[in-house]
Amino acid sequence: MVPVEEEPPLCALLADQIQKNDPSGKRPRVTASWVAAEDRMLRLDKRDPEQARALIIWCQQDQFWRGNILSMPKFREKYQQLFMAAGRDQQTQKSPAQIRAEEIQRDRAARDLEKLRQQGAEGAGQ
């Protein structure tokens, strides 16, 4: 595969991130298939470029995904899985204080809902 002369931004970012993970290795060549995959991902799949950029950075920092996403065609293919995994990762990175605050908020909402039900039942009984 012949490298392209001008690398689209997401292809260049992915190639740079892959090289960053293996500084002694060669930077992947951005080929026509990489460029086509980026174009299709943005144009046909209607992926947001900024979200894709963030996802490239995330996947190349993730212990599992950095070894599995080594080309733009593979990134496009696995985009939805990466998106879901990144969301799960954000959920697990909450601090104990954030988790506790969310629990308190859910408890309050449940109590408020129960009060409304009781008030509705009392009003219906009259």
C-alpha atoms as a PDB file:
ATOM      1  CA  MET A   1       0.000   0.000   0.000  1.00  0.00           C
ATOM      2  CA  VAL A   2       1.303   3.370  -0.967  1.00  0.00           C
ATOM      3  CA  PRO A   3       1.398   6.110   1.682  1.00  0.00           C
ATOM      4  CA  VAL A   4      -0.596   9.234   0.917  1.00  0.00           C
ATOM      5  CA  GLU A   5       1.029  12.635   0.607  1.00  0.00           C
ATOM      6  CA  GLU A   6      -1.264  14.584   2.919  1.00  0.00           C
ATOM      7  CA  GLU A   7      -2.563  12.804   5.981  1.00  0.00           C
ATOM      8  CA  PRO A   8      -6.080  13.647   7.162  1.00  0.00           C
ATOM      9  CA  PRO A   9      -6.107  14.806  10.799  1.00  0.00           C
ATOM     10  CA  LEU A  10      -7.581  11.691  12.428  1.00  0.00           C
ATOM     11  CA  CYS A  11      -5.296   9.359  10.467  1.00  0.00           C
ATOM     12  CA  ALA A  12      -2.282  11.437  11.475  1.00  0.00           C
ATOM     13  CA  LEU A  13      -3.393  11.446  15.119  1.00  0.00           C
ATOM     14  CA  LEU A  14      -3.855   7.671  15.201  1.00  0.00           C
ATOM     15  CA  ALA A  15      -0.477   7.060  13.555  1.00  0.00           C
ATOM     16  CA  ASP A  16       1.201   9.454  16.028  1.00  0.00           C
ATOM     17  CA  GLN A  17      -0.491   7.782  19.015  1.00  0.00           C
ATOM     18  CA  ILE A  18       0.521   4.304  17.838  1.00  0.00           C
ATOM     19  CA  GLN A  19       4.118   5.445  17.457  1.00  0.00           C
ATOM     20  CA  LYS A  20       3.990   7.085  20.898  1.00  0.00           C
ATOM     21  CA  ASN A  21       3.041   3.706  22.393  1.00  0.00           C
ATOM     22  CA  ASP A  22       6.089   2.079  20.761  1.00  0.00           C
ATOM     23  CA  PRO A  23       8.768   4.757  20.388  1.00  0.00           C
ATOM     24  CA  SER A  24      11.326   2.249  19.123  1.00  0.00           C
ATOM     25  CA  GLY A  25       8.930   0.988  16.437  1.00  0.00           C
ATOM     26  CA  LYS A  26       8.165   2.527  13.091  1.00  0.00           C
ATOM     27  CA  ARG A  27       5.318   4.977  12.701  1.00  0.00           C
ATOM     28  CA  PRO A  28       2.498   3.297  10.746  1.00  0.00           C
ATOM     29  CA  ARG A  29       2.128   4.489   7.185  1.00  0.00           C
ATOM     30  CA  VAL A  30      -1.089   6.318   6.441  1.00  0.00           C
ATOM     31  CA  THR A  31      -2.294   4.580   3.300  1.00  0.00           C
ATOM     32  CA  ALA A  32      -5.196   5.118   0.950  1.00  0.00           C
ATOM     33  CA  SER A  33      -7.237   2.589   2.949  1.00  0.00           C
ATOM     34  CA  TRP A  34      -6.668   4.652   6.110  1.00  0.00           C
ATOM     35  CA  VAL A  35      -7.810   7.818   4.325  1.00  0.00           C
ATOM     36  CA  ALA A  36     -10.873   6.044   2.898  1.00  0.00           C
ATOM     37  CA  ALA A  37     -11.786   4.678   6.339  1.00  0.00           C
ATOM     38  CA  GLU A  38     -11.573   8.141   7.916  1.00  0.00           C
ATOM     39  CA  ASP A  39     -13.662   9.634   5.119  1.00  0.00           C
ATOM     40  CA  ARG A  40     -16.336   6.933   5.379  1.00  0.00           C
ATOM     41  CA  MET A  41     -16.418   7.137   9.159  1.00  0.00           C
ATOM     42  CA  LEU A  42     -17.058  10.879   9.054  1.00  0.00           C
ATOM     43  CA  ARG A  43     -19.215  11.100   5.935  1.00  0.00           C
ATOM     44  CA  LEU A  44     -21.227   7.856   5.903  1.00  0.00           C
ATOM     45  CA  ASP A  45     -21.226   6.876   9.588  1.00  0.00           C
ATOM     46  CA  LYS A  46     -21.695  10.553  10.545  1.00  0.00           C
ATOM     47  CA  ARG A  47     -19.232  10.333  13.432  1.00  0.00           C
ATOM     48  CA  ASP A  48     -18.353  13.588  15.141  1.00  0.00           C
ATOM     49  CA  PRO A  49     -14.689  14.443  14.420  1.00  0.00           C
ATOM     50  CA  GLU A  50     -14.025  15.781  17.928  1.00  0.00           C
ATOM     51  CA  GLN A  51     -15.570  12.709  19.529  1.00  0.00           C
ATOM     52  CA  ALA A  52     -13.527  10.471  17.221  1.00  0.00           C
ATOM     53  CA  ARG A  53     -10.389  12.410  18.161  1.00  0.00           C
ATOM     54  CA  ALA A  54     -11.060  11.888  21.863  1.00  0.00           C
ATOM     55  CA  LEU A  55     -11.798   8.211  21.238  1.00  0.00           C
ATOM     56  CA  ILE A  56      -8.516   7.714  19.365  1.00  0.00           C
ATOM     57  CA  ILE A  57      -6.614   9.176  22.305  1.00  0.00           C
ATOM     58  CA  TRP A  58      -8.605   7.086  24.793  1.00  0.00           C
ATOM     59  CA  CYS A  59      -8.178   3.797  22.914  1.00  0.00           C
ATOM     60  CA  GLN A  60      -4.440   4.314  22.528  1.00  0.00           C
ATOM     61  CA  GLN A  61      -4.139   4.860  26.286  1.00  0.00           C
ATOM     62  CA  ASP A  62      -6.222   1.804  27.142  1.00  0.00           C
ATOM     63  CA  GLN A  63      -4.171  -1.305  27.940  1.00  0.00           C
ATOM     64  CA  PHE A  64      -6.410  -3.629  25.905  1.00  0.00           C
ATOM     65  CA  TRP A  65      -7.460  -1.481  22.964  1.00  0.00           C
ATOM     66  CA  ARG A  66      -4.064   0.006  22.082  1.00  0.00           C
ATOM     67  CA  GLY A  67      -2.887  -3.412  20.916  1.00  0.00           C
ATOM     68  CA  ASN A  68      -6.034  -4.011  18.898  1.00  0.00           C
ATOM     69  CA  ILE A  69      -6.519  -0.674  17.136  1.00  0.00           C
ATOM     70  CA  LEU A  70      -3.495  -0.336  14.865  1.00  0.00           C
ATOM     71  CA  SER A  71      -5.129   1.146  11.767  1.00  0.00           C
ATOM     72  CA  MET A  72      -7.884   3.550  10.801  1.00  0.00           C
ATOM     73  CA  PRO A  73      -9.970   0.793   9.132  1.00  0.00           C
ATOM     74  CA  LYS A  74      -9.896  -1.166  12.419  1.00  0.00           C
ATOM     75  CA  PHE A  75     -10.750   1.990  14.378  1.00  0.00           C
ATOM     76  CA  ARG A  76     -13.790   2.579  12.150  1.00  0.00           C
ATOM     77  CA  GLU A  77     -14.856  -1.066  12.454  1.00  0.00           C
ATOM     78  CA  LYS A  78     -14.648  -1.047  16.267  1.00  0.00           C
ATOM     79  CA  TYR A  79     -15.882   2.520  16.805  1.00  0.00           C
ATOM     80  CA  GLN A  80     -19.134   1.574  18.571  1.00  0.00           C
ATOM     81  CA  GLN A  81     -17.384  -0.918  20.866  1.00  0.00           C
ATOM     82  CA  LEU A  82     -14.735   1.673  21.700  1.00  0.00           C
ATOM     83  CA  PHE A  83     -17.411   4.269  22.424  1.00  0.00           C
ATOM     84  CA  MET A  84     -19.199   1.922  24.803  1.00  0.00           C
ATOM     85  CA  ALA A  85     -15.970   0.825  26.517  1.00  0.00           C
ATOM     86  CA  ALA A  86     -14.873   4.429  27.003  1.00  0.00           C
ATOM     87  CA  GLY A  87     -18.240   5.192  28.609  1.00  0.00           C
ATOM     88  CA  ARG A  88     -17.868   2.249  30.992  1.00  0.00           C
ATOM     89  CA  ASP A  89     -14.342   3.385  31.796  1.00  0.00           C
ATOM     90  CA  GLN A  90     -15.595   6.861  32.720  1.00  0.00           C
ATOM     91  CA  GLN A  91     -18.214   5.293  35.000  1.00  0.00           C
ATOM     92  CA  THR A  92     -15.589   3.288  36.867  1.00  0.00           C
ATOM     93  CA  GLN A  93     -13.342   6.322  37.321  1.00  0.00           C
ATOM     94  CA  LYS A  94     -15.774   8.146  39.595  1.00  0.00           C
ATOM     95  CA  SER A  95     -14.466   9.058  42.998  1.00  0.00           C
ATOM     96  CA  PRO A  96     -16.056   7.509  46.100  1.00  0.00           C
ATOM     97  CA  ALA A  97     -17.487  10.948  46.944  1.00  0.00           C
ATOM     98  CA  GLN A  98     -19.153  11.176  43.513  1.00  0.00           C
ATOM     99  CA  ILE A  99     -20.598   7.684  43.875  1.00  0.00           C
ATOM    100  CA  ARG A 100     -21.908   8.488  47.365  1.00  0.00           C
ATOM    101  CA  ALA A 101     -23.453  11.775  46.180  1.00  0.00           C
ATOM    102  CA  GLU A 102     -25.267   9.908  43.407  1.00  0.00           C
ATOM    103  CA  GLU A 103     -26.543   7.326  45.915  1.00  0.00           C
ATOM    104  CA  ILE A 104     -27.875  10.083  48.172  1.00  0.00           C
ATOM    105  CA  GLN A 105     -29.560  11.762  45.223  1.00  0.00           C
ATOM    106  CA  ARG A 106     -31.218   8.473  44.173  1.00  0.00           C
ATOM    107  CA  ASP A 107     -32.390   7.839  47.756  1.00  0.00           C
ATOM    108  CA  ARG A 108     -33.931  11.311  47.988  1.00  0.00           C
ATOM    109  CA  ALA A 109     -35.683  10.863  44.650  1.00  0.00           C
ATOM    110  CA  ALA A 110     -37.065   7.488  45.786  1.00  0.00           C
ATOM    111  CA  ARG A 111     -38.339   9.011  49.076  1.00  0.00           C
ATOM    112  CA  ASP A 112     -39.933  11.936  47.219  1.00  0.00           C
ATOM    113  CA  LEU A 113     -41.636   9.540  44.823  1.00  0.00           C
ATOM    114  CA  GLU A 114     -42.937   7.444  47.721  1.00  0.00           C
ATOM    115  CA  LYS A 115     -44.362  10.571  49.415  1.00  0.00           C
ATOM    116  CA  LEU A 116     -46.156  11.518  46.212  1.00  0.00           C
ATOM    117  CA  ARG A 117     -47.631   8.022  45.952  1.00  0.00           C
ATOM    118  CA  GLN A 118     -48.836   8.153  49.559  1.00  0.00           C
ATOM    119  CA  GLN A 119     -50.383  11.583  49.041  1.00  0.00           C
ATOM    120  CA  GLY A 120     -52.112  10.309  45.912  1.00  0.00           C
ATOM    121  CA  ALA A 121     -53.441   7.245  47.748  1.00  0.00           C
ATOM    122  CA  GLU A 122     -54.722   9.371  50.642  1.00  0.00           C
ATOM    123  CA  GLY A 123     -56.442  11.760  48.218  1.00  0.00           C
ATOM    124  CA  ALA A 124     -58.094   8.887  46.337  1.00  0.00           C
ATOM    125  CA  GLY A 125     -59.429   7.389  49.570  1.00  0.00           C
ATOM    126  CA  GLN A 126     -61.359  10.510  50.530  1.00  0.00           C
END
